[in-house]
Amino acid sequence: MKTRLYDEFVLACQMEGIAPSAWAKAHGLGTSIPTSLKNDIKPETSTLKQLYSGWHNKSIGQNLLLAYLKDEIERVGSSLKEIEPILKSSTQPDQTEKDLEIIARFMARKEPLRESLHQLAKLLELSEWATPSERAKAQIEADAAAMRAMAGKRYAVHSKRRRASSS
């Protein structure tokens, strides 16, 4: 029984203009590798690594690995029709990542928005979503900021009284 891996391997060798057994020998593999692949003998991990990395065009190696994975899916009794929707959904870029990149670029140009979001982040640290250690750290930081603000106000009041008494 021929496998997808074998078919992809033969196609890759044709694209490179070399016989499959000659390619195997040139890359430190036994000349029996093509026959083993054709007979559906599962290759060793080291052979798979060589099949992946031994090409001028990286996409050839990727296609070989994909063919191997498809063979394995079918070997365990599943079908590509069952697995492909899962593969396709998992290869789609995460929309949240894209959204965060857009927000980060926008925030870099908008100081008031950046400050507001920073304050929101501090509130979230204090929320129920934060771990106890995050909440404790955030509370300490908030207390310190409040103390600095109070100290600044006391200094301003004290300075104002000194200026008033010296005039």
N, C-alpha and C. Protein backbone atom coordinates (compact mmCIF):
# COMPACT_ATOMS: atom_id res chain seq x y z
N MET A 1 0.85 -1.19 0.00
CA MET A 1 0.00 0.00 0.00
C MET A 1 0.88 1.24 0.00
N LYS A 2 0.72 2.06 -1.02
CA LYS A 2 1.47 3.31 -1.06
C LYS A 2 0.84 4.32 -0.10
N THR A 3 1.68 5.20 0.40
CA THR A 3 1.22 6.20 1.35
C THR A 3 1.36 7.59 0.76
N ARG A 4 0.71 8.53 1.40
CA ARG A 4 0.87 9.93 0.99
C ARG A 4 2.33 10.36 1.13
N LEU A 5 2.96 9.91 2.20
CA LEU A 5 4.36 10.26 2.42
C LEU A 5 5.22 9.78 1.26
N TYR A 6 5.00 8.56 0.83
CA TYR A 6 5.78 8.03 -0.29
C TYR A 6 5.51 8.83 -1.56
N ASP A 7 4.23 9.10 -1.84
CA ASP A 7 3.88 9.87 -3.03
C ASP A 7 4.53 11.26 -3.01
N GLU A 8 4.47 11.93 -1.86
CA GLU A 8 5.09 13.26 -1.72
C GLU A 8 6.61 13.17 -1.87
N PHE A 9 7.20 12.13 -1.32
CA PHE A 9 8.65 11.93 -1.40
C PHE A 9 9.08 11.75 -2.86
N VAL A 10 8.36 10.92 -3.60
CA VAL A 10 8.69 10.70 -5.02
C VAL A 10 8.52 11.99 -5.80
N LEU A 11 7.45 12.73 -5.53
CA LEU A 11 7.22 14.01 -6.20
C LEU A 11 8.35 15.00 -5.89
N ALA A 12 8.76 15.05 -4.64
CA ALA A 12 9.85 15.96 -4.23
C ALA A 12 11.14 15.60 -4.94
N CYS A 13 11.42 14.31 -5.03
CA CYS A 13 12.64 13.87 -5.72
C CYS A 13 12.58 14.22 -7.21
N GLN A 14 11.40 14.06 -7.82
CA GLN A 14 11.25 14.44 -9.22
C GLN A 14 11.50 15.93 -9.41
N MET A 15 10.99 16.75 -8.48
CA MET A 15 11.20 18.20 -8.56
C MET A 15 12.68 18.55 -8.43
N GLU A 16 13.41 17.77 -7.63
CA GLU A 16 14.84 18.00 -7.44
C GLU A 16 15.67 17.34 -8.54
N GLY A 17 15.02 16.51 -9.36
CA GLY A 17 15.73 15.85 -10.44
C GLY A 17 16.65 14.74 -9.98
N ILE A 18 16.23 14.00 -8.96
CA ILE A 18 17.06 12.93 -8.41
C ILE A 18 16.19 11.72 -8.10
N ALA A 19 16.75 10.55 -8.22
CA ALA A 19 16.01 9.33 -7.89
C ALA A 19 15.84 9.25 -6.37
N PRO A 20 14.72 8.69 -5.91
CA PRO A 20 14.49 8.60 -4.47
C PRO A 20 15.60 7.87 -3.70
N SER A 21 16.10 6.77 -4.23
CA SER A 21 17.17 6.06 -3.52
C SER A 21 18.47 6.86 -3.53
N ALA A 22 18.73 7.60 -4.60
CA ALA A 22 19.93 8.45 -4.66
C ALA A 22 19.81 9.60 -3.66
N TRP A 23 18.62 10.16 -3.53
CA TRP A 23 18.41 11.24 -2.55
C TRP A 23 18.67 10.70 -1.15
N ALA A 24 18.09 9.54 -0.85
CA ALA A 24 18.26 8.94 0.48
C ALA A 24 19.74 8.72 0.79
N LYS A 25 20.47 8.16 -0.17
CA LYS A 25 21.89 7.88 0.04
C LYS A 25 22.67 9.19 0.22
N ALA A 26 22.35 10.19 -0.58
CA ALA A 26 23.05 11.49 -0.50
C ALA A 26 22.81 12.19 0.84
N HIS A 27 21.73 11.84 1.52
CA HIS A 27 21.40 12.49 2.80
C HIS A 27 21.63 11.58 4.00
N GLY A 28 22.45 10.57 3.81
CA GLY A 28 22.84 9.73 4.93
C GLY A 28 21.82 8.70 5.35
N LEU A 29 20.85 8.44 4.51
CA LEU A 29 19.83 7.44 4.81
C LEU A 29 20.11 6.20 3.95
N GLY A 30 19.53 5.11 4.35
CA GLY A 30 19.69 3.90 3.56
C GLY A 30 18.92 3.97 2.26
N THR A 31 19.42 3.31 1.25
CA THR A 31 18.74 3.33 -0.05
C THR A 31 17.42 2.55 0.00
N SER A 32 17.17 1.85 1.10
CA SER A 32 15.91 1.11 1.23
C SER A 32 14.78 2.01 1.76
N ILE A 33 15.09 3.23 2.15
CA ILE A 33 14.06 4.13 2.71
C ILE A 33 12.89 4.32 1.74
N PRO A 34 13.12 4.60 0.45
CA PRO A 34 11.96 4.75 -0.43
C PRO A 34 11.06 3.52 -0.46
N THR A 35 11.66 2.33 -0.47
CA THR A 35 10.87 1.10 -0.46
C THR A 35 10.10 0.97 0.84
N SER A 36 10.72 1.31 1.95
CA SER A 36 10.05 1.25 3.25
C SER A 36 8.85 2.20 3.28
N LEU A 37 9.05 3.41 2.75
CA LEU A 37 7.94 4.36 2.71
C LEU A 37 6.81 3.83 1.82
N LYS A 38 7.18 3.23 0.69
CA LYS A 38 6.19 2.69 -0.24
C LYS A 38 5.39 1.57 0.41
N ASN A 39 6.04 0.76 1.25
CA ASN A 39 5.38 -0.37 1.91
C ASN A 39 4.72 0.01 3.23
N ASP A 40 4.59 1.30 3.48
CA ASP A 40 3.90 1.82 4.66
C ASP A 40 4.59 1.42 5.96
N ILE A 41 5.92 1.34 5.93
CA ILE A 41 6.68 1.11 7.15
C ILE A 41 6.94 2.48 7.77
N LYS A 42 6.50 2.62 8.99
CA LYS A 42 6.59 3.91 9.68
C LYS A 42 8.06 4.30 9.86
N PRO A 43 8.46 5.50 9.38
CA PRO A 43 9.86 5.91 9.50
C PRO A 43 10.24 6.31 10.92
N GLU A 44 11.51 6.15 11.24
CA GLU A 44 12.03 6.60 12.53
C GLU A 44 11.98 8.13 12.58
N THR A 45 12.02 8.67 13.78
CA THR A 45 12.02 10.13 13.95
C THR A 45 13.22 10.76 13.25
N SER A 46 14.37 10.13 13.35
CA SER A 46 15.57 10.68 12.70
C SER A 46 15.39 10.73 11.18
N THR A 47 14.71 9.74 10.62
CA THR A 47 14.44 9.73 9.18
C THR A 47 13.48 10.86 8.83
N LEU A 48 12.46 11.06 9.65
CA LEU A 48 11.52 12.16 9.41
C LEU A 48 12.23 13.50 9.46
N LYS A 49 13.14 13.66 10.41
CA LYS A 49 13.89 14.92 10.49
C LYS A 49 14.69 15.15 9.22
N GLN A 50 15.29 14.08 8.71
CA GLN A 50 16.09 14.19 7.49
C GLN A 50 15.17 14.50 6.30
N LEU A 51 14.01 13.86 6.25
CA LEU A 51 13.05 14.12 5.18
C LEU A 51 12.55 15.57 5.24
N TYR A 52 12.46 16.10 6.41
CA TYR A 52 11.99 17.48 6.58
C TYR A 52 13.07 18.49 6.19
N SER A 53 14.28 18.26 6.62
CA SER A 53 15.31 19.29 6.48
C SER A 53 16.22 19.14 5.27
N GLY A 54 16.07 18.08 4.49
CA GLY A 54 17.03 17.82 3.43
C GLY A 54 16.72 18.42 2.07
N TRP A 55 15.93 19.45 2.01
CA TRP A 55 15.50 20.00 0.72
C TRP A 55 15.93 21.45 0.56
N HIS A 56 16.12 21.86 -0.67
CA HIS A 56 16.47 23.25 -0.95
C HIS A 56 15.30 24.18 -0.63
N ASN A 57 14.10 23.69 -0.87
CA ASN A 57 12.89 24.47 -0.62
C ASN A 57 12.23 23.95 0.65
N LYS A 58 12.11 24.79 1.64
CA LYS A 58 11.57 24.36 2.95
C LYS A 58 10.14 23.83 2.83
N SER A 59 9.38 24.34 1.89
CA SER A 59 7.99 23.89 1.77
C SER A 59 7.91 22.42 1.36
N ILE A 60 8.94 21.90 0.70
CA ILE A 60 8.94 20.47 0.35
C ILE A 60 8.97 19.64 1.63
N GLY A 61 9.84 19.99 2.56
CA GLY A 61 9.90 19.28 3.83
C GLY A 61 8.59 19.39 4.60
N GLN A 62 7.99 20.57 4.57
CA GLN A 62 6.71 20.76 5.26
C GLN A 62 5.62 19.88 4.64
N ASN A 63 5.61 19.80 3.31
CA ASN A 63 4.63 18.94 2.64
C ASN A 63 4.83 17.48 3.00
N LEU A 64 6.09 17.06 3.13
CA LEU A 64 6.36 15.67 3.52
C LEU A 64 5.84 15.39 4.93
N LEU A 65 6.07 16.32 5.85
CA LEU A 65 5.56 16.12 7.22
C LEU A 65 4.04 16.10 7.25
N LEU A 66 3.43 16.97 6.47
CA LEU A 66 1.98 16.99 6.41
C LEU A 66 1.44 15.67 5.85
N ALA A 67 2.09 15.14 4.82
CA ALA A 67 1.68 13.85 4.26
C ALA A 67 1.83 12.75 5.32
N TYR A 68 2.92 12.79 6.07
CA TYR A 68 3.13 11.80 7.13
C TYR A 68 2.00 11.88 8.17
N LEU A 69 1.66 13.09 8.57
CA LEU A 69 0.60 13.26 9.57
C LEU A 69 -0.75 12.77 9.05
N LYS A 70 -1.02 13.04 7.79
CA LYS A 70 -2.27 12.55 7.21
C LYS A 70 -2.30 11.02 7.21
N ASP A 71 -1.17 10.40 6.88
CA ASP A 71 -1.10 8.94 6.93
C ASP A 71 -1.37 8.44 8.35
N GLU A 72 -0.79 9.10 9.34
CA GLU A 72 -0.98 8.68 10.73
C GLU A 72 -2.43 8.83 11.17
N ILE A 73 -3.08 9.88 10.74
CA ILE A 73 -4.49 10.09 11.09
C ILE A 73 -5.33 8.92 10.56
N GLU A 74 -5.06 8.53 9.34
CA GLU A 74 -5.81 7.43 8.76
C GLU A 74 -5.40 6.08 9.37
N ARG A 75 -4.15 5.97 9.78
CA ARG A 75 -3.66 4.72 10.37
C ARG A 75 -4.40 4.39 11.67
N VAL A 76 -4.83 5.41 12.42
CA VAL A 76 -5.52 5.17 13.68
C VAL A 76 -7.04 5.05 13.50
N GLY A 77 -7.48 5.09 12.24
CA GLY A 77 -8.89 4.88 11.98
C GLY A 77 -9.73 6.13 11.87
N SER A 78 -9.10 7.28 11.91
CA SER A 78 -9.84 8.51 11.74
C SER A 78 -9.78 8.89 10.26
N SER A 79 -10.45 9.95 9.92
CA SER A 79 -10.41 10.39 8.53
C SER A 79 -10.02 11.86 8.47
N LEU A 80 -9.53 12.23 7.32
CA LEU A 80 -9.16 13.62 7.12
C LEU A 80 -10.37 14.54 7.19
N LYS A 81 -11.53 14.03 6.77
CA LYS A 81 -12.74 14.84 6.83
C LYS A 81 -13.08 15.22 8.26
N GLU A 82 -12.76 14.34 9.21
CA GLU A 82 -13.02 14.63 10.63
C GLU A 82 -11.98 15.60 11.19
N ILE A 83 -10.74 15.48 10.75
CA ILE A 83 -9.64 16.23 11.34
C ILE A 83 -9.42 17.59 10.68
N GLU A 84 -9.64 17.70 9.37
CA GLU A 84 -9.32 18.94 8.66
C GLU A 84 -10.01 20.18 9.23
N PRO A 85 -11.31 20.12 9.61
CA PRO A 85 -11.90 21.33 10.20
C PRO A 85 -11.17 21.79 11.47
N ILE A 86 -10.71 20.84 12.25
CA ILE A 86 -9.97 21.18 13.47
C ILE A 86 -8.64 21.81 13.10
N LEU A 87 -7.95 21.24 12.12
CA LEU A 87 -6.67 21.80 11.69
C LEU A 87 -6.84 23.20 11.12
N LYS A 88 -7.85 23.38 10.32
CA LYS A 88 -8.07 24.69 9.70
C LYS A 88 -8.40 25.74 10.75
N SER A 89 -9.23 25.38 11.72
CA SER A 89 -9.58 26.36 12.75
C SER A 89 -8.40 26.67 13.65
N SER A 90 -7.52 25.70 13.86
CA SER A 90 -6.38 25.95 14.73
C SER A 90 -5.27 26.72 14.04
N THR A 91 -5.28 26.78 12.70
CA THR A 91 -4.23 27.51 12.00
C THR A 91 -4.65 28.95 11.71
N GLN A 92 -5.91 29.28 11.97
CA GLN A 92 -6.33 30.66 11.77
C GLN A 92 -5.69 31.54 12.84
N PRO A 93 -5.20 32.72 12.44
CA PRO A 93 -4.60 33.60 13.45
C PRO A 93 -5.63 33.98 14.51
N ASP A 94 -5.19 34.05 15.72
CA ASP A 94 -6.07 34.38 16.83
C ASP A 94 -6.50 35.84 16.70
N GLN A 95 -7.81 36.07 16.60
CA GLN A 95 -8.33 37.42 16.42
C GLN A 95 -7.99 38.30 17.62
N THR A 96 -7.92 37.72 18.81
CA THR A 96 -7.58 38.49 19.99
C THR A 96 -6.18 39.08 19.85
N GLU A 97 -5.24 38.30 19.33
CA GLU A 97 -3.88 38.80 19.13
C GLU A 97 -3.87 39.98 18.18
N LYS A 98 -4.63 39.87 17.09
CA LYS A 98 -4.71 40.97 16.13
C LYS A 98 -5.31 42.21 16.79
N ASP A 99 -6.38 42.01 17.56
CA ASP A 99 -7.03 43.14 18.24
C ASP A 99 -6.06 43.83 19.20
N LEU A 100 -5.31 43.03 19.95
CA LEU A 100 -4.36 43.61 20.91
C LEU A 100 -3.26 44.39 20.20
N GLU A 101 -2.82 43.92 19.04
CA GLU A 101 -1.80 44.64 18.28
C GLU A 101 -2.34 45.99 17.82
N ILE A 102 -3.59 46.02 17.34
CA ILE A 102 -4.21 47.27 16.90
C ILE A 102 -4.32 48.24 18.08
N ILE A 103 -4.77 47.74 19.21
CA ILE A 103 -4.92 48.59 20.39
C ILE A 103 -3.56 49.12 20.84
N ALA A 104 -2.54 48.28 20.81
CA ALA A 104 -1.20 48.71 21.23
C ALA A 104 -0.67 49.82 20.32
N ARG A 105 -0.89 49.67 19.01
CA ARG A 105 -0.43 50.73 18.08
C ARG A 105 -1.18 52.03 18.34
N PHE A 106 -2.49 51.95 18.60
CA PHE A 106 -3.28 53.14 18.85
C PHE A 106 -2.86 53.80 20.16
N MET A 107 -2.65 52.98 21.18
CA MET A 107 -2.29 53.52 22.49
C MET A 107 -0.95 54.24 22.46
N ALA A 108 -0.06 53.80 21.61
CA ALA A 108 1.26 54.42 21.54
C ALA A 108 1.16 55.89 21.12
N ARG A 109 0.06 56.24 20.48
CA ARG A 109 -0.11 57.62 20.00
C ARG A 109 -1.07 58.44 20.85
N LYS A 110 -1.75 57.85 21.77
CA LYS A 110 -2.80 58.54 22.51
C LYS A 110 -2.52 58.49 24.01
N GLU A 111 -1.87 59.50 24.54
CA GLU A 111 -1.48 59.54 25.95
C GLU A 111 -2.67 59.43 26.91
N PRO A 112 -3.75 60.21 26.75
CA PRO A 112 -4.87 60.08 27.70
C PRO A 112 -5.48 58.68 27.71
N LEU A 113 -5.62 58.09 26.54
CA LEU A 113 -6.17 56.74 26.47
C LEU A 113 -5.22 55.75 27.14
N ARG A 114 -3.93 55.91 26.91
CA ARG A 114 -2.94 55.04 27.52
C ARG A 114 -3.04 55.11 29.05
N GLU A 115 -3.16 56.32 29.58
CA GLU A 115 -3.27 56.49 31.03
C GLU A 115 -4.56 55.87 31.55
N SER A 116 -5.66 56.05 30.82
CA SER A 116 -6.93 55.45 31.24
C SER A 116 -6.86 53.93 31.26
N LEU A 117 -6.25 53.36 30.24
CA LEU A 117 -6.12 51.91 30.19
C LEU A 117 -5.18 51.40 31.28
N HIS A 118 -4.18 52.20 31.59
CA HIS A 118 -3.27 51.82 32.68
C HIS A 118 -4.05 51.78 34.00
N GLN A 119 -4.91 52.75 34.21
CA GLN A 119 -5.74 52.76 35.42
C GLN A 119 -6.71 51.58 35.42
N LEU A 120 -7.26 51.25 34.24
CA LEU A 120 -8.14 50.08 34.14
C LEU A 120 -7.38 48.81 34.49
N ALA A 121 -6.15 48.70 34.02
CA ALA A 121 -5.34 47.52 34.34
C ALA A 121 -5.12 47.42 35.84
N LYS A 122 -4.90 48.55 36.51
CA LYS A 122 -4.73 48.53 37.96
C LYS A 122 -6.00 48.05 38.65
N LEU A 123 -7.15 48.51 38.16
CA LEU A 123 -8.42 48.05 38.74
C LEU A 123 -8.62 46.55 38.52
N LEU A 124 -8.25 46.07 37.34
CA LEU A 124 -8.39 44.63 37.07
C LEU A 124 -7.49 43.81 37.98
N GLU A 125 -6.34 44.36 38.33
CA GLU A 125 -5.46 43.65 39.25
C GLU A 125 -6.12 43.48 40.62
N LEU A 126 -6.97 44.43 40.97
CA LEU A 126 -7.66 44.35 42.25
C LEU A 126 -8.95 43.54 42.17
N SER A 127 -9.37 43.21 40.95
CA SER A 127 -10.65 42.52 40.78
C SER A 127 -10.56 41.06 41.19
N GLU A 128 -11.69 40.37 41.06
CA GLU A 128 -11.74 38.96 41.41
C GLU A 128 -10.98 38.09 40.41
N TRP A 129 -10.62 38.65 39.25
CA TRP A 129 -9.86 37.88 38.26
C TRP A 129 -8.41 37.70 38.67
N ALA A 130 -7.92 38.61 39.47
CA ALA A 130 -6.51 38.56 39.85
C ALA A 130 -6.30 37.49 40.93
N THR A 131 -5.11 36.96 40.96
CA THR A 131 -4.77 36.00 42.02
C THR A 131 -4.57 36.78 43.32
N PRO A 132 -4.62 36.11 44.47
CA PRO A 132 -4.43 36.82 45.74
C PRO A 132 -3.10 37.59 45.78
N SER A 133 -2.03 37.02 45.26
CA SER A 133 -0.74 37.73 45.31
C SER A 133 -0.76 38.95 44.40
N GLU A 134 -1.44 38.85 43.25
CA GLU A 134 -1.54 40.02 42.37
C GLU A 134 -2.36 41.11 43.04
N ARG A 135 -3.45 40.72 43.72
CA ARG A 135 -4.28 41.72 44.40
C ARG A 135 -3.50 42.38 45.52
N ALA A 136 -2.73 41.61 46.27
CA ALA A 136 -1.95 42.18 47.37
C ALA A 136 -0.91 43.16 46.83
N LYS A 137 -0.23 42.77 45.77
CA LYS A 137 0.78 43.65 45.18
C LYS A 137 0.13 44.93 44.65
N ALA A 138 -1.00 44.78 43.98
CA ALA A 138 -1.69 45.95 43.44
C ALA A 138 -2.18 46.85 44.56
N GLN A 139 -2.65 46.26 45.67
CA GLN A 139 -3.13 47.07 46.79
C GLN A 139 -1.97 47.85 47.42
N ILE A 140 -0.81 47.21 47.56
CA ILE A 140 0.37 47.90 48.11
C ILE A 140 0.76 49.06 47.22
N GLU A 141 0.75 48.82 45.89
CA GLU A 141 1.10 49.90 44.96
C GLU A 141 0.08 51.03 45.03
N ALA A 142 -1.21 50.69 45.13
CA ALA A 142 -2.25 51.72 45.22
C ALA A 142 -2.10 52.52 46.51
N ASP A 143 -1.81 51.83 47.62
CA ASP A 143 -1.61 52.52 48.90
C ASP A 143 -0.41 53.46 48.82
N ALA A 144 0.66 52.99 48.21
CA ALA A 144 1.87 53.83 48.08
C ALA A 144 1.57 55.06 47.23
N ALA A 145 0.82 54.88 46.15
CA ALA A 145 0.48 56.01 45.29
C ALA A 145 -0.39 57.01 46.06
N ALA A 146 -1.32 56.48 46.85
CA ALA A 146 -2.18 57.37 47.65
C ALA A 146 -1.36 58.14 48.68
N MET A 147 -0.39 57.45 49.29
CA MET A 147 0.47 58.12 50.28
C MET A 147 1.30 59.22 49.62
N ARG A 148 1.81 58.94 48.43
CA ARG A 148 2.59 59.97 47.72
C ARG A 148 1.71 61.16 47.38
N ALA A 149 0.47 60.88 46.95
CA ALA A 149 -0.45 61.97 46.62
C ALA A 149 -0.77 62.79 47.86
N MET A 150 -0.99 62.11 48.98
CA MET A 150 -1.29 62.82 50.23
C MET A 150 -0.10 63.65 50.68
N ALA A 151 1.08 63.07 50.56
CA ALA A 151 2.29 63.79 50.95
C ALA A 151 2.46 65.03 50.09
N GLY A 152 2.16 64.89 48.81
CA GLY A 152 2.27 66.04 47.92
C GLY A 152 1.29 67.13 48.30
N LYS A 153 0.07 66.76 48.69
CA LYS A 153 -0.93 67.75 49.09
C LYS A 153 -0.50 68.43 50.39
N ARG A 154 0.02 67.64 51.37
CA ARG A 154 0.47 68.24 52.63
C ARG A 154 1.61 69.22 52.38
N TYR A 155 2.52 68.84 51.47
CA TYR A 155 3.64 69.73 51.16
C TYR A 155 3.12 71.02 50.53
N ALA A 156 2.13 70.90 49.65
CA ALA A 156 1.58 72.09 49.00
C ALA A 156 0.90 72.99 50.02
N VAL A 157 0.13 72.40 50.94
CA VAL A 157 -0.55 73.20 51.98
C VAL A 157 0.48 73.85 52.88
N HIS A 158 1.50 73.09 53.29
CA HIS A 158 2.55 73.62 54.15
C HIS A 158 3.29 74.77 53.45
N SER A 159 3.61 74.62 52.19
CA SER A 159 4.31 75.67 51.43
C SER A 159 3.44 76.90 51.31
N LYS A 160 2.15 76.70 51.10
CA LYS A 160 1.23 77.81 50.97
C LYS A 160 1.16 78.60 52.28
N ARG A 161 1.13 77.89 53.44
CA ARG A 161 1.09 78.55 54.74
C ARG A 161 2.39 79.32 54.98
N ARG A 162 3.54 78.71 54.59
CA ARG A 162 4.81 79.40 54.78
C ARG A 162 4.88 80.68 53.94
N ARG A 163 4.39 80.62 52.72
CA ARG A 163 4.42 81.82 51.89
C ARG A 163 3.49 82.88 52.47
N ALA A 164 2.34 82.46 53.00
CA ALA A 164 1.39 83.40 53.57
C ALA A 164 1.95 84.06 54.84
N SER A 165 2.66 83.28 55.66
CA SER A 165 3.20 83.83 56.90
C SER A 165 4.42 84.71 56.65
N SER A 166 5.15 84.47 55.56
CA SER A 166 6.35 85.29 55.30
C SER A 166 5.99 86.58 54.60
N SER A 167 4.78 86.76 54.10
CA SER A 167 4.44 88.02 53.45
C SER A 167 3.91 89.03 54.37
